[in-house]
Structures are given as C-alpha cells and as structure tokens.
C-alpha cells in the first residue's frame, strides 16, 4: 500500500497528489493522509467521480482515507 501524506497542504494540492498517484500506480491501494476537513471531502469527491472504493475516518490530528481501486 502506497502512502500519500498531504497533511498541512491546502487544496488543490492533496487532490492533485492523489490524482497523480492513481495514474502512476493503477490498481494499488493508497493510504491518504490530510489535515483539513475540506481536503478530506475534496479527495472523497475525486474518488467518487472515478468510482474508486474507499474508507475514510477522522483521527485525532488528521483524516485518513484508504482507496481501493
């Protein structure tokens, strides 16, 4: 599983990083870390648009999304 640590980055950077990783590593699970709620929701929207299954949760200091293409 590849990890994308986009904590501390403002949108659209987390979405851009996830999109690039989806293209670079097709079919691989991704663990995505973001620190802001709006970044979390924007990444969710990207995954929904691409019809990629995912699970997300809010942790103490950040959000985590596991994407399963």
PDB file of N, CA and C in Angstrom:
ATOM      1  N   UNK A   1       0.849  -1.176   0.000  1.00  0.00           N
ATOM      2  CA  UNK A   1       0.000   0.000   0.000  1.00  0.00           C
ATOM      3  C   UNK A   1       0.892   1.236   0.000  1.00  0.00           C
ATOM      4  N   UNK A   2       0.620   2.117  -0.928  1.00  0.00           N
ATOM      5  CA  UNK A   2       1.374   3.373  -1.003  1.00  0.00           C
ATOM      6  C   UNK A   2       0.716   4.416  -0.113  1.00  0.00           C
ATOM      7  N   UNK A   3       1.546   5.287   0.449  1.00  0.00           N
ATOM      8  CA  UNK A   3       1.032   6.336   1.331  1.00  0.00           C
ATOM      9  C   UNK A   3       1.257   7.707   0.709  1.00  0.00           C
ATOM     10  N   UNK A   4       0.218   8.510   0.737  1.00  0.00           N
ATOM     11  CA  UNK A   4       0.303   9.899   0.296  1.00  0.00           C
ATOM     12  C   UNK A   4       0.058  10.760   1.524  1.00  0.00           C
ATOM     13  N   UNK A   5       1.094  11.421   1.977  1.00  0.00           N
ATOM     14  CA  UNK A   5       0.985  12.275   3.160  1.00  0.00           C
ATOM     15  C   UNK A   5       0.827  13.719   2.701  1.00  0.00           C
ATOM     16  N   UNK A   6      -0.425  14.163   2.672  1.00  0.00           N
ATOM     17  CA  UNK A   6      -0.724  15.527   2.227  1.00  0.00           C
ATOM     18  C   UNK A   6      -1.135  16.407   3.402  1.00  0.00           C
ATOM     19  N   UNK A   7      -0.738  16.001   4.604  1.00  0.00           N
ATOM     20  CA  UNK A   7      -1.072  16.812   5.783  1.00  0.00           C
ATOM     21  C   UNK A   7      -0.368  18.159   5.678  1.00  0.00           C
ATOM     22  N   UNK A   8      -1.095  19.201   6.037  1.00  0.00           N
ATOM     23  CA  UNK A   8      -0.535  20.548   6.013  1.00  0.00           C
ATOM     24  C   UNK A   8      -0.618  21.231   4.661  1.00  0.00           C
ATOM     25  N   UNK A   9      -1.064  20.515   3.644  1.00  0.00           N
ATOM     26  CA  UNK A   9      -1.182  21.107   2.315  1.00  0.00           C
ATOM     27  C   UNK A   9      -2.596  21.624   2.098  1.00  0.00           C
ATOM     28  N   UNK A  10      -2.700  22.712   1.367  1.00  0.00           N
ATOM     29  CA  UNK A  10      -4.005  23.290   1.041  1.00  0.00           C
ATOM     30  C   UNK A  10      -4.477  22.774  -0.307  1.00  0.00           C
ATOM     31  N   UNK A  11      -5.783  22.738  -0.473  1.00  0.00           N
ATOM     32  CA  UNK A  11      -6.347  22.344  -1.767  1.00  0.00           C
ATOM     33  C   UNK A  11      -5.967  23.389  -2.808  1.00  0.00           C
ATOM     34  N   UNK A  12      -5.706  22.940  -3.999  1.00  0.00           N
ATOM     35  CA  UNK A  12      -5.995  21.629  -4.566  1.00  0.00           C
ATOM     36  C   UNK A  12      -4.847  20.627  -4.476  1.00  0.00           C
ATOM     37  N   UNK A  13      -3.778  20.940  -3.762  1.00  0.00           N
ATOM     38  CA  UNK A  13      -2.585  20.089  -3.742  1.00  0.00           C
ATOM     39  C   UNK A  13      -2.876  18.636  -3.332  1.00  0.00           C
ATOM     40  N   UNK A  14      -3.617  18.361  -2.248  1.00  0.00           N
ATOM     41  CA  UNK A  14      -3.883  16.957  -1.904  1.00  0.00           C
ATOM     42  C   UNK A  14      -4.612  16.204  -3.025  1.00  0.00           C
ATOM     43  N   UNK A  15      -5.578  16.853  -3.654  1.00  0.00           N
ATOM     44  CA  UNK A  15      -6.321  16.219  -4.748  1.00  0.00           C
ATOM     45  C   UNK A  15      -5.388  15.945  -5.922  1.00  0.00           C
ATOM     46  N   UNK A  16      -4.520  16.882  -6.234  1.00  0.00           N
ATOM     47  CA  UNK A  16      -3.570  16.702  -7.333  1.00  0.00           C
ATOM     48  C   UNK A  16      -2.624  15.542  -7.046  1.00  0.00           C
ATOM     49  N   UNK A  17      -2.140  15.438  -5.808  1.00  0.00           N
ATOM     50  CA  UNK A  17      -1.236  14.342  -5.450  1.00  0.00           C
ATOM     51  C   UNK A  17      -1.930  12.988  -5.566  1.00  0.00           C
ATOM     52  N   UNK A  18      -3.173  12.918  -5.098  1.00  0.00           N
ATOM     53  CA  UNK A  18      -3.923  11.661  -5.184  1.00  0.00           C
ATOM     54  C   UNK A  18      -4.176  11.305  -6.649  1.00  0.00           C
ATOM     55  N   UNK A  19      -4.570  12.259  -7.437  1.00  0.00           N
ATOM     56  CA  UNK A  19      -4.834  12.007  -8.853  1.00  0.00           C
ATOM     57  C   UNK A  19      -3.583  11.504  -9.565  1.00  0.00           C
ATOM     58  N   UNK A  20      -2.434  12.105  -9.284  1.00  0.00           N
ATOM     59  CA  UNK A  20      -1.175  11.654  -9.885  1.00  0.00           C
ATOM     60  C   UNK A  20      -0.836  10.236  -9.436  1.00  0.00           C
ATOM     61  N   UNK A  21      -1.048   9.926  -8.159  1.00  0.00           N
ATOM     62  CA  UNK A  21      -0.755   8.585  -7.648  1.00  0.00           C
ATOM     63  C   UNK A  21      -1.679   7.543  -8.270  1.00  0.00           C
ATOM     64  N   UNK A  22      -2.938   7.887  -8.467  1.00  0.00           N
ATOM     65  CA  UNK A  22      -3.871   6.949  -9.104  1.00  0.00           C
ATOM     66  C   UNK A  22      -3.420   6.612 -10.520  1.00  0.00           C
ATOM     67  N   UNK A  23      -2.876   7.589 -11.223  1.00  0.00           N
ATOM     68  CA  UNK A  23      -2.382   7.358 -12.582  1.00  0.00           C
ATOM     69  C   UNK A  23      -1.060   6.598 -12.575  1.00  0.00           C
ATOM     70  N   UNK A  24      -0.186   6.919 -11.623  1.00  0.00           N
ATOM     71  CA  UNK A  24       1.144   6.307 -11.571  1.00  0.00           C
ATOM     72  C   UNK A  24       1.115   4.872 -11.057  1.00  0.00           C
ATOM     73  N   UNK A  25       0.147   4.559 -10.188  1.00  0.00           N
ATOM     74  CA  UNK A  25       0.086   3.239  -9.555  1.00  0.00           C
ATOM     75  C   UNK A  25      -1.309   2.634  -9.712  1.00  0.00           C
ATOM     76  N   UNK A  26      -1.744   2.387 -10.944  1.00  0.00           N
ATOM     77  CA  UNK A  26      -3.106   1.882 -11.150  1.00  0.00           C
ATOM     78  C   UNK A  26      -3.325   0.546 -10.449  1.00  0.00           C
ATOM     79  N   UNK A  27      -4.467   0.424  -9.784  1.00  0.00           N
ATOM     80  CA  UNK A  27      -4.816  -0.823  -9.111  1.00  0.00           C
ATOM     81  C   UNK A  27      -4.233  -0.996  -7.728  1.00  0.00           C
ATOM     82  N   UNK A  28      -3.342  -0.112  -7.307  1.00  0.00           N
ATOM     83  CA  UNK A  28      -2.730  -0.231  -5.980  1.00  0.00           C
ATOM     84  C   UNK A  28      -3.554   0.511  -4.937  1.00  0.00           C
ATOM     85  N   UNK A  29      -3.607  -0.068  -3.732  1.00  0.00           N
ATOM     86  CA  UNK A  29      -4.262   0.619  -2.623  1.00  0.00           C
ATOM     87  C   UNK A  29      -3.436   1.833  -2.218  1.00  0.00           C
ATOM     88  N   UNK A  30      -4.131   2.892  -1.852  1.00  0.00           N
ATOM     89  CA  UNK A  30      -3.473   4.115  -1.402  1.00  0.00           C
ATOM     90  C   UNK A  30      -3.970   4.478  -0.013  1.00  0.00           C
ATOM     91  N   UNK A  31      -3.034   4.841   0.846  1.00  0.00           N
ATOM     92  CA  UNK A  31      -3.370   5.406   2.155  1.00  0.00           C
ATOM     93  C   UNK A  31      -3.108   6.899   2.041  1.00  0.00           C
ATOM     94  N   UNK A  32      -4.164   7.693   2.212  1.00  0.00           N
ATOM     95  CA  UNK A  32      -4.088   9.134   2.003  1.00  0.00           C
ATOM     96  C   UNK A  32      -4.313   9.839   3.335  1.00  0.00           C
ATOM     97  N   UNK A  33      -3.393  10.722   3.695  1.00  0.00           N
ATOM     98  CA  UNK A  33      -3.492  11.476   4.943  1.00  0.00           C
ATOM     99  C   UNK A  33      -3.636  12.959   4.620  1.00  0.00           C
ATOM    100  N   UNK A  34      -4.668  13.583   5.187  1.00  0.00           N
ATOM    101  CA  UNK A  34      -4.875  15.025   5.025  1.00  0.00           C
ATOM    102  C   UNK A  34      -5.223  15.614   6.383  1.00  0.00           C
ATOM    103  N   UNK A  35      -4.953  16.901   6.551  1.00  0.00           N
ATOM    104  CA  UNK A  35      -5.175  17.515   7.863  1.00  0.00           C
ATOM    105  C   UNK A  35      -6.438  18.364   7.940  1.00  0.00           C
ATOM    106  N   UNK A  36      -7.008  18.728   6.815  1.00  0.00           N
ATOM    107  CA  UNK A  36      -8.168  19.618   6.815  1.00  0.00           C
ATOM    108  C   UNK A  36      -9.415  18.905   6.309  1.00  0.00           C
ATOM    109  N   UNK A  37     -10.563  19.242   6.897  1.00  0.00           N
ATOM    110  CA  UNK A  37     -11.830  18.613   6.507  1.00  0.00           C
ATOM    111  C   UNK A  37     -12.151  18.869   5.034  1.00  0.00           C
ATOM    112  N   UNK A  38     -11.900  20.091   4.553  1.00  0.00           N
ATOM    113  CA  UNK A  38     -12.224  20.373   3.148  1.00  0.00           C
ATOM    114  C   UNK A  38     -11.348  19.560   2.200  1.00  0.00           C
ATOM    115  N   UNK A  39     -10.105  19.304   2.575  1.00  0.00           N
ATOM    116  CA  UNK A  39      -9.238  18.455   1.753  1.00  0.00           C
ATOM    117  C   UNK A  39      -9.760  17.022   1.739  1.00  0.00           C
ATOM    118  N   UNK A  40     -10.193  16.559   2.902  1.00  0.00           N
ATOM    119  CA  UNK A  40     -10.772  15.216   3.020  1.00  0.00           C
ATOM    120  C   UNK A  40     -11.971  15.081   2.078  1.00  0.00           C
ATOM    121  N   UNK A  41     -12.878  16.048   2.111  1.00  0.00           N
ATOM    122  CA  UNK A  41     -14.078  15.986   1.277  1.00  0.00           C
ATOM    123  C   UNK A  41     -13.746  16.117  -0.213  1.00  0.00           C
ATOM    124  N   UNK A  42     -12.750  16.917  -0.541  1.00  0.00           N
ATOM    125  CA  UNK A  42     -12.352  17.053  -1.944  1.00  0.00           C
ATOM    126  C   UNK A  42     -11.731  15.764  -2.478  1.00  0.00           C
ATOM    127  N   UNK A  43     -10.939  15.083  -1.655  1.00  0.00           N
ATOM    128  CA  UNK A  43     -10.372  13.793  -2.065  1.00  0.00           C
ATOM    129  C   UNK A  43     -11.498  12.765  -2.208  1.00  0.00           C
ATOM    130  N   UNK A  44     -12.442  12.777  -1.274  1.00  0.00           N
ATOM    131  CA  UNK A  44     -13.614  11.891  -1.389  1.00  0.00           C
ATOM    132  C   UNK A  44     -14.333  12.121  -2.717  1.00  0.00           C
ATOM    133  N   UNK A  45     -14.552  13.375  -3.071  1.00  0.00           N
ATOM    134  CA  UNK A  45     -15.239  13.698  -4.326  1.00  0.00           C
ATOM    135  C   UNK A  45     -14.478  13.153  -5.532  1.00  0.00           C
ATOM    136  N   UNK A  46     -13.156  13.280  -5.516  1.00  0.00           N
ATOM    137  CA  UNK A  46     -12.338  12.747  -6.602  1.00  0.00           C
ATOM    138  C   UNK A  46     -12.522  11.236  -6.719  1.00  0.00           C
ATOM    139  N   UNK A  47     -12.453  10.535  -5.590  1.00  0.00           N
ATOM    140  CA  UNK A  47     -12.587   9.080  -5.607  1.00  0.00           C
ATOM    141  C   UNK A  47     -13.980   8.659  -6.067  1.00  0.00           C
ATOM    142  N   UNK A  48     -15.000   9.377  -5.638  1.00  0.00           N
ATOM    143  CA  UNK A  48     -16.372   9.081  -6.090  1.00  0.00           C
ATOM    144  C   UNK A  48     -16.492   9.284  -7.598  1.00  0.00           C
ATOM    145  N   UNK A  49     -15.942  10.384  -8.100  1.00  0.00           N
ATOM    146  CA  UNK A  49     -16.001  10.668  -9.540  1.00  0.00           C
ATOM    147  C   UNK A  49     -15.329   9.572 -10.359  1.00  0.00           C
ATOM    148  N   UNK A  50     -14.262   9.009  -9.813  1.00  0.00           N
ATOM    149  CA  UNK A  50     -13.519   7.956 -10.509  1.00  0.00           C
ATOM    150  C   UNK A  50     -14.052   6.561 -10.183  1.00  0.00           C
ATOM    151  N   UNK A  51     -15.123   6.509  -9.370  1.00  0.00           N
ATOM    152  CA  UNK A  51     -15.756   5.246  -8.969  1.00  0.00           C
ATOM    153  C   UNK A  51     -14.759   4.300  -8.290  1.00  0.00           C
ATOM    154  N   UNK A  52     -13.982   4.869  -7.380  1.00  0.00           N
ATOM    155  CA  UNK A  52     -12.991   4.110  -6.619  1.00  0.00           C
ATOM    156  C   UNK A  52     -13.519   3.909  -5.208  1.00  0.00           C
ATOM    157  N   UNK A  53     -13.520   2.655  -4.764  1.00  0.00           N
ATOM    158  CA  UNK A  53     -13.977   2.336  -3.409  1.00  0.00           C
ATOM    159  C   UNK A  53     -12.987   2.908  -2.403  1.00  0.00           C
ATOM    160  N   UNK A  54     -13.508   3.364  -1.277  1.00  0.00           N
ATOM    161  CA  UNK A  54     -12.635   3.926  -0.248  1.00  0.00           C
ATOM    162  C   UNK A  54     -13.311   3.832   1.108  1.00  0.00           C
ATOM    163  N   UNK A  55     -12.484   3.931   2.136  1.00  0.00           N
ATOM    164  CA  UNK A  55     -12.950   4.053   3.515  1.00  0.00           C
ATOM    165  C   UNK A  55     -12.211   5.230   4.121  1.00  0.00           C
ATOM    166  N   UNK A  56     -12.932   6.090   4.805  1.00  0.00           N
ATOM    167  CA  UNK A  56     -12.309   7.253   5.417  1.00  0.00           C
ATOM    168  C   UNK A  56     -12.677   7.369   6.874  1.00  0.00           C
ATOM    169  N   UNK A  57     -11.779   7.975   7.634  1.00  0.00           N
ATOM    170  CA  UNK A  57     -12.068   8.202   9.049  1.00  0.00           C
ATOM    171  C   UNK A  57     -11.304   9.416   9.543  1.00  0.00           C
ATOM    172  N   UNK A  58     -11.865  10.020  10.578  1.00  0.00           N
ATOM    173  CA  UNK A  58     -11.224  11.156  11.232  1.00  0.00           C
ATOM    174  C   UNK A  58     -10.449  10.625  12.426  1.00  0.00           C
ATOM    175  N   UNK A  59      -9.171  10.943  12.474  1.00  0.00           N
ATOM    176  CA  UNK A  59      -8.327  10.576  13.607  1.00  0.00           C
ATOM    177  C   UNK A  59      -8.116  11.824  14.460  1.00  0.00           C
ATOM    178  N   UNK A  60      -7.302  11.721  15.495  1.00  0.00           N
ATOM    179  CA  UNK A  60      -7.124  12.855  16.412  1.00  0.00           C
ATOM    180  C   UNK A  60      -6.616  14.117  15.722  1.00  0.00           C
ATOM    181  N   UNK A  61      -5.592  13.978  14.887  1.00  0.00           N
ATOM    182  CA  UNK A  61      -4.963  15.168  14.315  1.00  0.00           C
ATOM    183  C   UNK A  61      -5.053  15.253  12.797  1.00  0.00           C
ATOM    184  N   UNK A  62      -5.680  14.273  12.163  1.00  0.00           N
ATOM    185  CA  UNK A  62      -5.798  14.292  10.709  1.00  0.00           C
ATOM    186  C   UNK A  62      -6.895  13.327  10.257  1.00  0.00           C
ATOM    187  N   UNK A  63      -7.075  13.267   8.960  1.00  0.00           N
ATOM    188  CA  UNK A  63      -8.031  12.350   8.338  1.00  0.00           C
ATOM    189  C   UNK A  63      -7.245  11.310   7.553  1.00  0.00           C
ATOM    190  N   UNK A  64      -7.817  10.109   7.469  1.00  0.00           N
ATOM    191  CA  UNK A  64      -7.173   9.025   6.730  1.00  0.00           C
ATOM    192  C   UNK A  64      -8.188   8.420   5.771  1.00  0.00           C
ATOM    193  N   UNK A  65      -7.761   8.213   4.554  1.00  0.00           N
ATOM    194  CA  UNK A  65      -8.593   7.567   3.541  1.00  0.00           C
ATOM    195  C   UNK A  65      -7.791   6.407   2.959  1.00  0.00           C
ATOM    196  N   UNK A  66      -8.428   5.246   2.887  1.00  0.00           N
ATOM    197  CA  UNK A  66      -7.842   4.098   2.202  1.00  0.00           C
ATOM    198  C   UNK A  66      -8.626   3.926   0.907  1.00  0.00           C
ATOM    199  N   UNK A  67      -7.945   4.095  -0.219  1.00  0.00           N
ATOM    200  CA  UNK A  67      -8.568   3.954  -1.533  1.00  0.00           C
ATOM    201  C   UNK A  67      -8.203   2.591  -2.099  1.00  0.00           C
ATOM    202  N   UNK A  68      -9.229   1.895  -2.617  1.00  0.00           N
ATOM    203  CA  UNK A  68      -9.031   0.553  -3.165  1.00  0.00           C
ATOM    204  C   UNK A  68      -9.522   0.516  -4.613  1.00  0.00           C
ATOM    205  N   UNK A  69      -8.653   0.908  -5.531  1.00  0.00           N
ATOM    206  CA  UNK A  69      -9.061   0.918  -6.958  1.00  0.00           C
ATOM    207  C   UNK A  69      -9.387  -0.477  -7.475  1.00  0.00           C
TER     208      UNK A  69
END
